[in-house]
């Protein structure tokens, strides 16, 4: 895994995505997929707070690799040492640029 690129089949990529989503949930972060397209404003995926609760909003139109990179980037800024992560998932998080 180099530079936040997941190698392998689409099934493997979906598996990594599910592991990242699960890690976020275990850290108390809700993950939402929404259509972020807007004619009038530039909206990008990322972490925000709704009623003082962390919510990670990701554009649902992104491909699996992009969704994984966004999740990993946000998880990298959190205390992921407090939860168990499969080695491949932890390596992926560590490989993604902040």
C-alpha atoms as a PDB file:
ATOM      1  CA  UNK A   1       0.000   0.000   0.000  1.00  0.00           C
ATOM      2  CA  UNK A   2       1.721   3.136  -1.204  1.00  0.00           C
ATOM      3  CA  UNK A   3       0.548   6.715  -0.874  1.00  0.00           C
ATOM      4  CA  UNK A   4      -3.021   5.843   0.050  1.00  0.00           C
ATOM      5  CA  UNK A   5      -3.622   3.501  -2.866  1.00  0.00           C
ATOM      6  CA  UNK A   6      -5.471   0.271  -2.168  1.00  0.00           C
ATOM      7  CA  UNK A   7      -4.269  -2.545  -4.365  1.00  0.00           C
ATOM      8  CA  UNK A   8      -6.512  -5.473  -5.098  1.00  0.00           C
ATOM      9  CA  UNK A   9     -10.004  -6.283  -6.252  1.00  0.00           C
ATOM     10  CA  UNK A  10     -13.061  -4.108  -5.821  1.00  0.00           C
ATOM     11  CA  UNK A  11     -14.220  -6.565  -3.136  1.00  0.00           C
ATOM     12  CA  UNK A  12     -10.986  -5.935  -1.199  1.00  0.00           C
ATOM     13  CA  UNK A  13     -11.440  -2.188  -1.572  1.00  0.00           C
ATOM     14  CA  UNK A  14     -15.021  -2.399  -0.276  1.00  0.00           C
ATOM     15  CA  UNK A  15     -13.788  -4.485   2.637  1.00  0.00           C
ATOM     16  CA  UNK A  16     -11.236  -1.786   3.551  1.00  0.00           C
ATOM     17  CA  UNK A  17     -13.955   0.870   3.215  1.00  0.00           C
ATOM     18  CA  UNK A  18     -16.206  -1.056   5.603  1.00  0.00           C
ATOM     19  CA  UNK A  19     -13.338  -1.452   8.100  1.00  0.00           C
ATOM     20  CA  UNK A  20     -12.651   2.302   7.962  1.00  0.00           C
ATOM     21  CA  UNK A  21     -16.341   3.111   8.452  1.00  0.00           C
ATOM     22  CA  UNK A  22     -16.467   0.740  11.413  1.00  0.00           C
ATOM     23  CA  UNK A  23     -13.361   2.335  12.934  1.00  0.00           C
ATOM     24  CA  UNK A  24     -14.967   5.771  12.652  1.00  0.00           C
ATOM     25  CA  UNK A  25     -18.101   4.523  14.377  1.00  0.00           C
ATOM     26  CA  UNK A  26     -16.064   2.970  17.193  1.00  0.00           C
ATOM     27  CA  UNK A  27     -14.404   6.363  17.668  1.00  0.00           C
ATOM     28  CA  UNK A  28     -17.829   8.002  17.941  1.00  0.00           C
ATOM     29  CA  UNK A  29     -17.889   9.516  14.454  1.00  0.00           C
ATOM     30  CA  UNK A  30     -21.016   9.151  12.350  1.00  0.00           C
ATOM     31  CA  UNK A  31     -20.294   8.545   8.654  1.00  0.00           C
ATOM     32  CA  UNK A  32     -22.751   9.926   6.094  1.00  0.00           C
ATOM     33  CA  UNK A  33     -22.754   9.710   2.318  1.00  0.00           C
ATOM     34  CA  UNK A  34     -24.530  12.617   0.625  1.00  0.00           C
ATOM     35  CA  UNK A  35     -24.628  14.313  -2.751  1.00  0.00           C
ATOM     36  CA  UNK A  36     -22.368  17.317  -2.195  1.00  0.00           C
ATOM     37  CA  UNK A  37     -22.847  18.902  -5.605  1.00  0.00           C
ATOM     38  CA  UNK A  38     -23.990  22.530  -5.407  1.00  0.00           C
ATOM     39  CA  UNK A  39     -24.094  25.097  -8.229  1.00  0.00           C
ATOM     40  CA  UNK A  40     -23.498  28.005  -5.865  1.00  0.00           C
ATOM     41  CA  UNK A  41     -20.919  26.733  -3.396  1.00  0.00           C
ATOM     42  CA  UNK A  42     -17.881  24.503  -3.294  1.00  0.00           C
ATOM     43  CA  UNK A  43     -18.535  21.705  -0.829  1.00  0.00           C
ATOM     44  CA  UNK A  44     -15.963  19.024  -0.085  1.00  0.00           C
ATOM     45  CA  UNK A  45     -16.014  15.845   1.961  1.00  0.00           C
ATOM     46  CA  UNK A  46     -14.685  15.937   5.491  1.00  0.00           C
ATOM     47  CA  UNK A  47     -15.313  16.031   9.211  1.00  0.00           C
ATOM     48  CA  UNK A  48     -17.717  18.533  10.726  1.00  0.00           C
ATOM     49  CA  UNK A  49     -19.724  18.830  13.919  1.00  0.00           C
ATOM     50  CA  UNK A  50     -23.511  18.674  14.055  1.00  0.00           C
ATOM     51  CA  UNK A  51     -25.004  19.510  17.453  1.00  0.00           C
ATOM     52  CA  UNK A  52     -21.515  19.044  18.960  1.00  0.00           C
ATOM     53  CA  UNK A  53     -21.248  15.502  17.539  1.00  0.00           C
ATOM     54  CA  UNK A  54     -18.586  14.567  14.964  1.00  0.00           C
ATOM     55  CA  UNK A  55     -19.964  13.669  11.542  1.00  0.00           C
ATOM     56  CA  UNK A  56     -17.869  12.676   8.548  1.00  0.00           C
ATOM     57  CA  UNK A  57     -19.716  13.641   5.380  1.00  0.00           C
ATOM     58  CA  UNK A  58     -18.470  12.063   2.165  1.00  0.00           C
ATOM     59  CA  UNK A  59     -19.677  12.725  -1.368  1.00  0.00           C
ATOM     60  CA  UNK A  60     -21.573   9.600  -2.372  1.00  0.00           C
ATOM     61  CA  UNK A  61     -20.520  10.035  -6.018  1.00  0.00           C
ATOM     62  CA  UNK A  62     -16.832   9.442  -5.242  1.00  0.00           C
ATOM     63  CA  UNK A  63     -15.189   6.146  -6.115  1.00  0.00           C
ATOM     64  CA  UNK A  64     -14.262   3.641  -3.404  1.00  0.00           C
ATOM     65  CA  UNK A  65     -10.581   4.641  -3.373  1.00  0.00           C
ATOM     66  CA  UNK A  66     -11.452   8.304  -2.791  1.00  0.00           C
ATOM     67  CA  UNK A  67     -13.919   7.440  -0.031  1.00  0.00           C
ATOM     68  CA  UNK A  68     -11.237   5.319   1.665  1.00  0.00           C
ATOM     69  CA  UNK A  69      -8.652   8.105   1.424  1.00  0.00           C
ATOM     70  CA  UNK A  70     -11.050  10.644   2.970  1.00  0.00           C
ATOM     71  CA  UNK A  71     -11.951   8.296   5.816  1.00  0.00           C
ATOM     72  CA  UNK A  72      -8.298   7.435   6.410  1.00  0.00           C
ATOM     73  CA  UNK A  73      -7.229  11.102   6.350  1.00  0.00           C
ATOM     74  CA  UNK A  74      -9.786  11.989   9.018  1.00  0.00           C
ATOM     75  CA  UNK A  75      -9.052   8.893  11.115  1.00  0.00           C
ATOM     76  CA  UNK A  76      -5.339   9.687  10.996  1.00  0.00           C
ATOM     77  CA  UNK A  77      -6.003  12.835  13.017  1.00  0.00           C
ATOM     78  CA  UNK A  78      -7.767  10.834  15.758  1.00  0.00           C
ATOM     79  CA  UNK A  79      -6.573   8.494  18.490  1.00  0.00           C
ATOM     80  CA  UNK A  80      -6.756   5.274  16.489  1.00  0.00           C
ATOM     81  CA  UNK A  81      -4.427   3.565  18.961  1.00  0.00           C
ATOM     82  CA  UNK A  82      -7.406   3.233  21.295  1.00  0.00           C
ATOM     83  CA  UNK A  83      -9.130   0.732  18.965  1.00  0.00           C
ATOM     84  CA  UNK A  84      -8.117  -2.479  17.225  1.00  0.00           C
ATOM     85  CA  UNK A  85      -7.562  -2.160  13.487  1.00  0.00           C
ATOM     86  CA  UNK A  86      -6.508  -4.886  11.094  1.00  0.00           C
ATOM     87  CA  UNK A  87      -2.880  -4.329  10.102  1.00  0.00           C
ATOM     88  CA  UNK A  88      -3.795  -3.634   6.454  1.00  0.00           C
ATOM     89  CA  UNK A  89      -6.245  -0.926   7.575  1.00  0.00           C
ATOM     90  CA  UNK A  90      -3.784   0.655  10.018  1.00  0.00           C
ATOM     91  CA  UNK A  91      -1.085   0.622   7.305  1.00  0.00           C
ATOM     92  CA  UNK A  92      -3.467   2.274   4.863  1.00  0.00           C
ATOM     93  CA  UNK A  93      -4.351   5.035   7.345  1.00  0.00           C
ATOM     94  CA  UNK A  94      -0.678   5.672   8.026  1.00  0.00           C
ATOM     95  CA  UNK A  95       0.115   5.813   4.281  1.00  0.00           C
ATOM     96  CA  UNK A  96      -2.427   8.551   3.516  1.00  0.00           C
ATOM     97  CA  UNK A  97      -1.227  12.152   3.435  1.00  0.00           C
ATOM     98  CA  UNK A  98      -2.898  14.347   6.037  1.00  0.00           C
END
